[in-house]
Amino acid sequence: MAEYKKRISDRILKRKVQGKGAVLIEGPKWCGKTTTAKQLANSVLDLGNSTVLMQSRQMIEISHKVLLDGDTPRLIDEWQALPPIWDSIRSEVDSRGEPSQFILTGSSVLPEANTLIHSGTGRFGHIRMRPMSLFESGESSGEVSLLDLFENRPLELQRNNLDVNDIAFLTCRGGWPWATLISKELALDQAFDYVDSVVNSDILRVDKVRRSPERTKLLLRSYARNISQQISYATIRKDMLANDASTLDEDTVADYIKALKKLFVIEDLVAWNPNIRSKSAIRTSDTRHFVDPSIGTAALGLGPKDLINDLQTFGLFFEDLVVRDLRVYAEALDGEIYHYRDSSGLECDTVLHRRNGSYALLEVKLGGEDRINEGAANLLALANIIDRNKMPSPSFMAVITAVGQYAYQRKDGVLVLPIGCIKD
């Protein structure tokens, strides 16, 4: 049996299960949802198995209780393959009146609301899983805790063990659990296989709408060319038209993007809207991101050497990697990730805003003194226009880098944190 690498979601799931009758784990396929759920489940109904699914379709019409009987928590894997089971679970949760009854996993979003009798509000907890962060996969040392920084514990000098070649490889490999357990040569294939599966299979089954694999491929490539940037659907359409799409309107682009979001392939970063003293208008456009940077590199056919030879492209994909990791860490910190940009051109790559109101301002740079200075200047400028009468000061500000020997604090108070040192 393959080694199980502990996930941040393990402790989130354990807490959620204790407080709800059922917990739904959502996220892209191959990110480890089922394996994580099995660490806590005591019985399994595997609807991802075609034989089990066929039998279950017949059985749910006769007696859904037979499908739900089993030691609890009972895992219902790939539940969306049998949508009627949602309401059966909800009814069973109400009937039993106890927590920790069911764990559901799904690699596409909930069916349209009108196919369900009840949303599950109050009965179901929700967890979003993503591919592994560098700390979960074992590449980050985890010597720098974001929670410690939020709690105002001083940052001690920490050594970074990852170099530019490591980061280039990890960007292309991605955080797919299986890829972290096999040789480097084979690990790079995982993202290519994932993209092929999305293009040739998943996009056709997500909501029973027939879509073109070729057009899906063009969209993924366009997204990858514009990764970590705030571009419109119109710009994506023009890019696709310039790359062999014969006819295409903006509504079609939006439809394909919606489908890829349902599959958890695309996960854009929304804008942060703080209280500021400046008269500059806050831009509200989303920043384009994949759920894992390897999707973009695979869509463009790029490998680690290609990134090393094109540092501008590398920097954008590195930002995609950092956003992935920060989203994983934010889940554990009861927070969410945003970006900031205003009409004056001032921007901040990521803002980690927690439910308790505390937040951190974070810029992302490959490395180098000039780029770090630029990032620090942006952070200090943004912190200076925040209205302190209406919201607190940032808990900390940091430039997250790909390279650099150490994690340390600058004289201006801004932290410099290599991604290879960070954990939640």
Protein backbone atom coordinates (compact mmCIF):
# COMPACT_ATOMS: atom_id res chain seq x y z
CA MET A 1 0.00 0.00 0.00
CA ALA A 2 1.32 3.48 -0.93
CA GLU A 3 2.41 5.75 1.90
CA TYR A 4 -0.27 8.19 3.08
CA LYS A 5 1.04 11.70 3.46
CA LYS A 6 -0.88 13.63 6.08
CA ARG A 7 -3.04 16.45 4.77
CA ILE A 8 -4.12 19.70 6.36
CA SER A 9 -7.64 18.58 5.46
CA ASP A 10 -7.30 15.64 7.88
CA ARG A 11 -7.78 17.81 10.94
CA ILE A 12 -10.38 20.02 9.24
CA LEU A 13 -12.42 16.93 8.30
CA LYS A 14 -12.14 15.46 11.79
CA ARG A 15 -13.51 18.66 13.31
CA LYS A 16 -16.29 19.03 10.75
CA VAL A 17 -17.46 15.41 11.10
CA GLN A 18 -17.83 15.85 14.85
CA GLY A 19 -20.26 18.72 14.36
CA LYS A 20 -22.37 17.65 11.36
CA GLY A 21 -24.41 14.64 10.32
CA ALA A 22 -22.67 14.63 6.94
CA VAL A 23 -19.61 16.34 5.45
CA LEU A 24 -19.06 16.93 1.74
CA ILE A 25 -15.46 17.02 0.45
CA GLU A 26 -15.20 18.73 -2.93
CA GLY A 27 -12.24 19.32 -5.19
CA PRO A 28 -10.52 18.29 -8.42
CA LYS A 29 -10.16 14.63 -9.18
CA TRP A 30 -6.85 13.01 -8.23
CA CYS A 31 -6.25 15.52 -5.40
CA GLY A 32 -6.70 12.87 -2.68
CA LYS A 33 -10.29 13.35 -1.50
CA THR A 34 -11.14 9.66 -1.30
CA THR A 35 -7.85 8.67 0.32
CA THR A 36 -8.23 11.39 2.95
CA ALA A 37 -11.85 10.43 3.63
CA LYS A 38 -10.89 6.76 4.04
CA GLN A 39 -8.56 7.66 6.91
CA LEU A 40 -11.67 8.49 8.96
CA ALA A 41 -14.44 6.40 7.35
CA ASN A 42 -15.45 3.02 8.73
CA SER A 43 -17.37 1.81 5.67
CA VAL A 44 -17.49 2.78 1.98
CA LEU A 45 -20.01 2.95 -0.88
CA ASP A 46 -17.87 3.48 -4.00
CA LEU A 47 -20.06 5.07 -6.68
CA GLY A 48 -16.96 5.61 -8.79
CA ASN A 49 -17.07 1.87 -9.46
CA SER A 50 -19.35 1.32 -12.49
CA THR A 51 -20.69 -1.99 -11.20
CA VAL A 52 -21.50 -0.55 -7.77
CA LEU A 53 -23.08 2.49 -9.42
CA MET A 54 -25.32 0.37 -11.65
CA GLN A 55 -26.51 -1.70 -8.71
CA SER A 56 -27.01 1.41 -6.58
CA ARG A 57 -29.21 3.04 -9.24
CA GLN A 58 -31.52 0.07 -9.02
CA MET A 59 -31.38 -0.16 -5.25
CA ILE A 60 -32.13 3.51 -4.52
CA GLU A 61 -35.55 3.08 -6.14
CA ILE A 62 -36.31 0.14 -3.84
CA SER A 63 -34.68 1.08 -0.53
CA HIS A 64 -32.08 3.80 -0.10
CA LYS A 65 -31.46 2.64 3.47
CA VAL A 66 -29.64 -0.45 2.16
CA LEU A 67 -27.10 1.81 0.44
CA LEU A 68 -26.60 3.91 3.56
CA ASP A 69 -26.31 1.07 6.06
CA GLY A 70 -22.77 0.54 7.34
CA ASP A 71 -20.37 1.52 10.08
CA THR A 72 -20.16 5.26 10.53
CA PRO A 73 -18.82 7.56 9.34
CA ARG A 74 -19.87 5.92 6.04
CA LEU A 75 -18.07 7.23 2.95
CA ILE A 76 -20.18 7.79 -0.18
CA ASP A 77 -17.48 8.19 -2.82
CA GLU A 78 -18.24 10.21 -5.99
CA TRP A 79 -21.79 10.79 -4.76
CA GLN A 80 -22.67 13.08 -7.70
CA ALA A 81 -22.80 10.02 -9.97
CA LEU A 82 -26.10 9.24 -8.19
CA PRO A 83 -27.71 12.64 -7.36
CA PRO A 84 -30.85 11.22 -5.66
CA ILE A 85 -28.66 9.86 -2.87
CA TRP A 86 -28.16 13.43 -1.60
CA ASP A 87 -31.73 13.69 -0.41
CA SER A 88 -31.60 10.14 0.94
CA ILE A 89 -28.61 11.10 3.07
CA ARG A 90 -30.28 14.29 4.25
CA SER A 91 -33.35 12.35 5.34
CA GLU A 92 -31.22 9.73 7.05
CA VAL A 93 -29.24 12.42 8.92
CA ASP A 94 -32.51 13.90 10.17
CA SER A 95 -33.80 10.47 11.17
CA ARG A 96 -30.67 9.44 13.09
CA GLY A 97 -30.20 12.82 14.77
CA GLU A 98 -26.50 12.27 15.40
CA PRO A 99 -23.26 13.72 14.00
CA SER A 100 -20.52 11.78 12.20
CA GLN A 101 -22.83 9.71 9.98
CA PHE A 102 -21.60 10.29 6.43
CA ILE A 103 -18.67 11.64 4.42
CA LEU A 104 -19.32 12.42 0.75
CA THR A 105 -16.71 13.12 -1.92
CA GLY A 106 -17.25 14.75 -5.29
CA SER A 107 -15.07 15.95 -8.16
CA SER A 108 -17.71 18.21 -9.69
CA VAL A 109 -20.00 20.74 -8.06
CA LEU A 110 -23.54 20.10 -6.81
CA PRO A 111 -26.17 19.44 -9.47
CA GLU A 112 -28.49 22.33 -10.25
CA ALA A 113 -30.60 23.22 -7.23
CA ASN A 114 -33.87 22.13 -8.83
CA THR A 115 -32.69 18.52 -9.00
CA LEU A 116 -32.48 18.39 -5.21
CA ILE A 117 -35.32 18.52 -2.72
CA HIS A 118 -33.17 20.20 -0.07
CA SER A 119 -29.82 21.99 -0.11
CA GLY A 120 -28.59 20.24 3.02
CA THR A 121 -28.16 23.49 4.95
CA GLY A 122 -27.62 22.72 8.62
CA ARG A 123 -27.04 19.01 7.98
CA PHE A 124 -23.99 19.12 5.74
CA GLY A 125 -20.56 20.55 6.42
CA HIS A 126 -18.33 21.44 3.45
CA ILE A 127 -14.60 21.12 2.81
CA ARG A 128 -12.71 22.19 -0.30
CA MET A 129 -9.63 20.08 -1.05
CA ARG A 130 -6.93 21.00 -3.51
CA PRO A 131 -3.74 19.35 -4.70
CA MET A 132 -1.02 19.19 -2.04
CA SER A 133 0.79 22.26 -0.81
CA LEU A 134 4.57 22.03 -0.66
CA PHE A 135 4.37 21.48 3.09
CA GLU A 136 1.98 18.55 2.69
CA SER A 137 4.06 16.94 -0.05
CA GLY A 138 7.19 17.27 2.09
CA GLU A 139 9.15 19.84 0.08
CA SER A 140 8.59 22.80 2.41
CA SER A 141 10.40 22.58 5.72
CA GLY A 142 7.47 24.26 7.48
CA GLU A 143 9.82 26.25 9.70
CA VAL A 144 7.73 29.41 9.16
CA SER A 145 4.18 29.11 10.50
CA LEU A 146 1.63 31.59 9.16
CA LEU A 147 -0.40 31.07 12.33
CA ASP A 148 2.61 32.09 14.42
CA LEU A 149 2.97 35.25 12.35
CA PHE A 150 -0.71 36.07 12.79
CA GLU A 151 -0.27 35.60 16.53
CA ASN A 152 2.64 38.05 16.52
CA ARG A 153 5.34 35.53 17.33
CA PRO A 154 8.72 36.82 16.11
CA LEU A 155 10.23 35.32 12.96
CA GLU A 156 13.57 33.67 13.58
CA LEU A 157 16.06 33.35 10.74
CA GLN A 158 15.32 30.13 8.84
CA ARG A 159 17.29 28.47 6.06
CA ASN A 160 15.64 27.65 2.73
CA ASN A 161 16.62 24.32 1.15
CA LEU A 162 14.93 24.72 -2.26
CA ASP A 163 16.67 26.30 -5.25
CA VAL A 164 15.33 27.61 -8.56
CA ASN A 165 15.59 24.19 -10.24
CA ASP A 166 13.57 22.59 -7.42
CA ILE A 167 10.82 25.20 -7.73
CA ALA A 168 10.68 24.84 -11.51
CA PHE A 169 10.23 21.09 -11.16
CA LEU A 170 7.63 21.39 -8.40
CA THR A 171 5.65 23.91 -10.45
CA CYS A 172 5.46 21.48 -13.37
CA ARG A 173 4.92 18.40 -11.21
CA GLY A 174 2.12 19.95 -9.21
CA GLY A 175 0.64 18.76 -5.95
CA TRP A 176 -1.01 15.56 -7.20
CA PRO A 177 -0.53 13.05 -4.37
CA TRP A 178 0.51 10.13 -6.59
CA ALA A 179 3.10 12.29 -8.32
CA THR A 180 4.78 12.96 -4.97
CA LEU A 181 5.34 9.22 -4.45
CA ILE A 182 6.97 8.25 -7.77
CA SER A 183 10.20 9.09 -9.58
CA LYS A 184 10.76 12.59 -10.93
CA GLU A 185 10.72 11.39 -14.52
CA LEU A 186 7.31 9.75 -14.13
CA ALA A 187 5.90 12.44 -11.84
CA LEU A 188 5.84 15.03 -14.62
CA ASP A 189 3.46 12.82 -16.63
CA GLN A 190 0.68 13.18 -14.05
CA ALA A 191 -0.30 16.73 -15.05
CA PHE A 192 -0.29 15.86 -18.76
CA ASP A 193 -2.55 12.89 -18.05
CA TYR A 194 -4.83 15.12 -15.98
CA VAL A 195 -5.20 17.67 -18.79
CA ASP A 196 -5.88 14.89 -21.32
CA SER A 197 -8.59 13.49 -19.06
CA VAL A 198 -10.25 16.89 -18.63
CA VAL A 199 -10.18 17.63 -22.35
CA ASN A 200 -11.26 14.23 -23.65
CA SER A 201 -13.60 12.99 -20.92
CA ASP A 202 -14.54 15.23 -18.01
CA ILE A 203 -15.64 18.24 -20.05
CA LEU A 204 -18.14 15.98 -21.83
CA ARG A 205 -19.73 14.57 -18.69
CA VAL A 206 -19.74 17.45 -16.20
CA ASP A 207 -23.30 18.61 -16.92
CA LYS A 208 -24.39 16.51 -19.92
CA VAL A 209 -23.68 19.37 -22.35
CA ARG A 210 -21.59 18.35 -25.35
CA ARG A 211 -18.49 20.48 -25.63
CA SER A 212 -15.56 20.35 -28.00
CA PRO A 213 -12.35 18.76 -26.67
CA GLU A 214 -10.36 20.92 -29.11
CA ARG A 215 -12.02 24.11 -27.87
CA THR A 216 -11.43 23.04 -24.26
CA LYS A 217 -7.76 22.57 -25.06
CA LEU A 218 -7.58 26.04 -26.63
CA LEU A 219 -9.21 27.56 -23.55
CA LEU A 220 -6.80 25.84 -21.17
CA ARG A 221 -3.87 27.06 -23.26
CA SER A 222 -5.23 30.60 -23.30
CA TYR A 223 -5.74 30.55 -19.54
CA ALA A 224 -2.18 29.29 -19.13
CA ARG A 225 -0.78 32.07 -21.33
CA ASN A 226 -2.62 34.60 -19.16
CA ILE A 227 -2.12 32.95 -15.79
CA SER A 228 -1.96 35.20 -12.70
CA GLN A 229 -3.31 38.15 -14.71
CA GLN A 230 -6.57 40.09 -14.65
CA ILE A 231 -7.88 39.58 -18.16
CA SER A 232 -11.42 39.59 -19.53
CA TYR A 233 -13.35 36.84 -21.27
CA ALA A 234 -13.13 39.01 -24.38
CA THR A 235 -9.34 38.84 -24.25
CA ILE A 236 -9.44 35.07 -23.82
CA ARG A 237 -11.79 34.84 -26.82
CA LYS A 238 -9.40 36.85 -29.01
CA ASP A 239 -6.50 34.67 -27.92
CA MET A 240 -8.43 31.51 -28.77
CA LEU A 241 -9.49 32.90 -32.16
CA ALA A 242 -5.85 33.66 -32.92
CA ASN A 243 -5.02 30.02 -32.29
CA ASP A 244 -7.21 28.17 -34.77
CA ALA A 245 -10.73 28.46 -33.31
CA SER A 246 -12.85 29.17 -36.41
CA THR A 247 -15.87 30.78 -34.73
CA LEU A 248 -16.38 31.66 -31.11
CA ASP A 249 -18.46 34.12 -29.11
CA GLU A 250 -17.92 35.41 -25.59
CA ASP A 251 -20.90 33.50 -24.18
CA THR A 252 -19.32 30.25 -25.33
CA VAL A 253 -16.06 31.16 -23.59
CA ALA A 254 -18.03 31.86 -20.41
CA ASP A 255 -19.82 28.51 -20.71
CA TYR A 256 -16.55 26.58 -21.02
CA ILE A 257 -15.02 28.44 -18.09
CA LYS A 258 -18.12 27.72 -15.99
CA ALA A 259 -17.80 24.01 -16.82
CA LEU A 260 -14.11 23.98 -15.87
CA LYS A 261 -14.95 25.69 -12.59
CA LYS A 262 -17.54 22.98 -11.93
CA LEU A 263 -14.74 20.45 -12.38
CA PHE A 264 -12.49 22.47 -10.01
CA VAL A 265 -9.90 22.93 -12.78
CA ILE A 266 -10.10 26.73 -12.76
CA GLU A 267 -10.21 28.67 -9.49
CA ASP A 268 -9.93 32.41 -10.05
CA LEU A 269 -8.86 34.83 -7.33
CA VAL A 270 -11.44 37.47 -6.45
CA ALA A 271 -10.70 41.07 -5.48
CA TRP A 272 -10.25 42.31 -1.92
CA ASN A 273 -12.30 45.36 -0.96
CA PRO A 274 -10.75 47.02 2.08
CA ASN A 275 -11.55 50.38 3.63
CA ILE A 276 -8.99 52.80 2.21
CA ARG A 277 -8.33 56.53 2.56
CA SER A 278 -7.32 56.87 -1.08
CA LYS A 279 -9.77 58.12 -3.74
CA SER A 280 -8.48 55.49 -6.16
CA ALA A 281 -11.16 53.09 -7.40
CA ILE A 282 -10.61 49.45 -6.42
CA ARG A 283 -10.54 47.13 -9.40
CA THR A 284 -12.89 44.15 -9.13
CA SER A 285 -11.64 41.88 -11.95
CA ASP A 286 -10.69 38.34 -10.99
CA THR A 287 -7.12 37.12 -11.37
CA ARG A 288 -6.97 33.99 -13.52
CA HIS A 289 -5.71 30.86 -11.79
CA PHE A 290 -5.77 27.09 -12.08
CA VAL A 291 -6.30 24.92 -9.01
CA ASP A 292 -2.71 23.72 -9.58
CA PRO A 293 0.09 25.34 -11.64
CA SER A 294 0.95 22.07 -13.37
CA ILE A 295 -2.35 22.24 -15.29
CA GLY A 296 -1.13 25.37 -17.04
CA THR A 297 2.39 24.14 -17.74
CA ALA A 298 1.01 20.86 -19.09
CA ALA A 299 -1.55 22.68 -21.27
CA LEU A 300 1.33 24.59 -22.88
CA GLY A 301 3.62 21.56 -23.00
CA LEU A 302 6.20 23.21 -20.73
CA GLY A 303 8.75 21.48 -18.51
CA PRO A 304 11.10 22.74 -15.79
CA LYS A 305 13.82 23.77 -18.27
CA ASP A 306 11.33 25.84 -20.26
CA LEU A 307 10.48 27.82 -17.11
CA ILE A 308 14.14 28.37 -16.26
CA ASN A 309 14.70 29.75 -19.77
CA ASP A 310 11.72 32.14 -19.56
CA LEU A 311 11.72 33.85 -16.18
CA GLN A 312 8.74 36.08 -16.95
CA THR A 313 6.54 33.04 -17.61
CA PHE A 314 8.13 31.26 -14.65
CA GLY A 315 7.20 34.14 -12.36
CA LEU A 316 3.53 33.98 -13.35
CA PHE A 317 3.33 30.23 -12.84
CA PHE A 318 5.18 30.55 -9.54
CA GLU A 319 2.48 32.98 -8.42
CA ASP A 320 -0.09 30.32 -9.37
CA LEU A 321 1.77 27.81 -7.18
CA VAL A 322 1.87 30.23 -4.24
CA VAL A 323 -1.86 30.93 -4.56
CA ARG A 324 -2.52 27.18 -4.47
CA ASP A 325 -0.46 26.76 -1.29
CA LEU A 326 -1.95 29.82 0.40
CA ARG A 327 -5.45 28.57 -0.32
CA VAL A 328 -4.62 25.28 1.38
CA TYR A 329 -3.14 27.08 4.39
CA ALA A 330 -6.03 29.57 4.52
CA GLU A 331 -8.51 26.69 4.96
CA ALA A 332 -6.74 25.76 8.20
CA LEU A 333 -6.62 29.39 9.33
CA ASP A 334 -10.35 30.08 8.78
CA GLY A 335 -9.43 32.47 6.02
CA GLU A 336 -9.64 33.15 2.32
CA ILE A 337 -7.28 34.48 -0.32
CA TYR A 338 -7.87 37.63 -2.38
CA HIS A 339 -5.94 40.04 -4.57
CA TYR A 340 -5.88 43.85 -4.60
CA ARG A 341 -5.50 46.36 -7.40
CA ASP A 342 -6.70 49.95 -7.75
CA SER A 343 -6.94 52.58 -10.46
CA SER A 344 -3.62 54.13 -9.44
CA GLY A 345 -1.82 50.91 -10.38
CA LEU A 346 -1.12 49.90 -6.78
CA GLU A 347 -1.53 46.14 -6.38
CA CYS A 348 -0.96 43.30 -3.98
CA ASP A 349 -0.75 39.76 -5.34
CA THR A 350 -2.46 38.05 -2.42
CA VAL A 351 -4.27 39.01 0.77
CA LEU A 352 -4.96 36.32 3.36
CA HIS A 353 -8.04 37.56 5.23
CA ARG A 354 -9.26 35.54 8.20
CA ARG A 355 -12.76 35.24 9.57
CA ASN A 356 -11.73 37.04 12.78
CA GLY A 357 -10.83 40.16 10.76
CA SER A 358 -7.06 39.82 10.84
CA TYR A 359 -5.24 39.80 7.51
CA ALA A 360 -1.81 39.64 5.90
CA LEU A 361 -0.58 41.43 2.77
CA LEU A 362 1.56 39.19 0.56
CA GLU A 363 3.51 39.89 -2.63
CA VAL A 364 4.95 37.08 -4.78
CA LYS A 365 8.34 37.35 -6.48
CA LEU A 366 10.75 34.79 -7.89
CA GLY A 367 13.57 36.45 -5.96
CA GLY A 368 16.39 38.94 -6.37
CA GLU A 369 16.97 42.08 -4.33
CA ASP A 370 15.36 44.48 -6.82
CA ARG A 371 12.18 42.43 -7.10
CA ILE A 372 11.95 41.97 -3.34
CA ASN A 373 12.38 45.73 -2.87
CA GLU A 374 9.61 46.33 -5.41
CA GLY A 375 7.29 43.93 -3.61
CA ALA A 376 8.02 45.45 -0.21
CA ALA A 377 7.34 48.95 -1.56
CA ASN A 378 3.93 47.83 -2.85
CA LEU A 379 3.05 46.33 0.51
CA LEU A 380 4.06 49.41 2.47
CA ALA A 381 2.18 51.69 0.07
CA LEU A 382 -1.01 49.64 0.43
CA ALA A 383 -0.72 49.45 4.20
CA ASN A 384 -0.33 53.24 4.27
CA ILE A 385 -3.71 53.92 2.59
CA ILE A 386 -5.78 51.51 4.67
CA ASP A 387 -8.19 53.42 6.90
CA ARG A 388 -7.12 52.38 10.40
CA ASN A 389 -10.29 53.89 11.87
CA LYS A 390 -12.36 51.29 10.04
CA MET A 391 -10.15 48.22 9.99
CA PRO A 392 -7.00 47.01 11.78
CA SER A 393 -3.45 47.18 10.50
CA PRO A 394 -2.18 44.07 8.70
CA SER A 395 -0.94 41.37 11.07
CA PHE A 396 2.15 41.12 8.89
CA MET A 397 3.41 41.87 5.41
CA ALA A 398 5.63 39.52 3.44
CA VAL A 399 7.24 38.98 0.07
CA ILE A 400 6.99 35.27 -0.78
CA THR A 401 9.90 34.16 -2.94
CA ALA A 402 10.89 31.12 -4.95
CA VAL A 403 14.56 31.37 -4.10
CA GLY A 404 16.77 32.88 -1.42
CA GLN A 405 18.84 31.31 1.30
CA TYR A 406 16.84 32.53 4.28
CA ALA A 407 13.48 33.57 5.65
CA TYR A 408 14.04 36.85 7.50
CA GLN A 409 12.62 40.24 8.46
CA ARG A 410 13.76 43.38 6.69
CA LYS A 411 14.51 46.64 8.51
CA ASP A 412 11.22 48.10 7.24
CA GLY A 413 9.34 45.26 8.95
CA VAL A 414 8.42 43.39 5.76
CA LEU A 415 9.16 39.66 5.91
CA VAL A 416 10.89 37.75 3.14
CA LEU A 417 9.60 34.18 3.09
CA PRO A 418 10.79 31.51 0.64
CA ILE A 419 7.87 29.23 -0.24
CA GLY A 420 10.07 26.30 0.78
CA CYS A 421 9.87 27.37 4.45
CA ILE A 422 6.13 28.01 4.85
CA LYS A 423 3.29 26.05 6.45
CA ASP A 424 -0.10 26.97 7.89
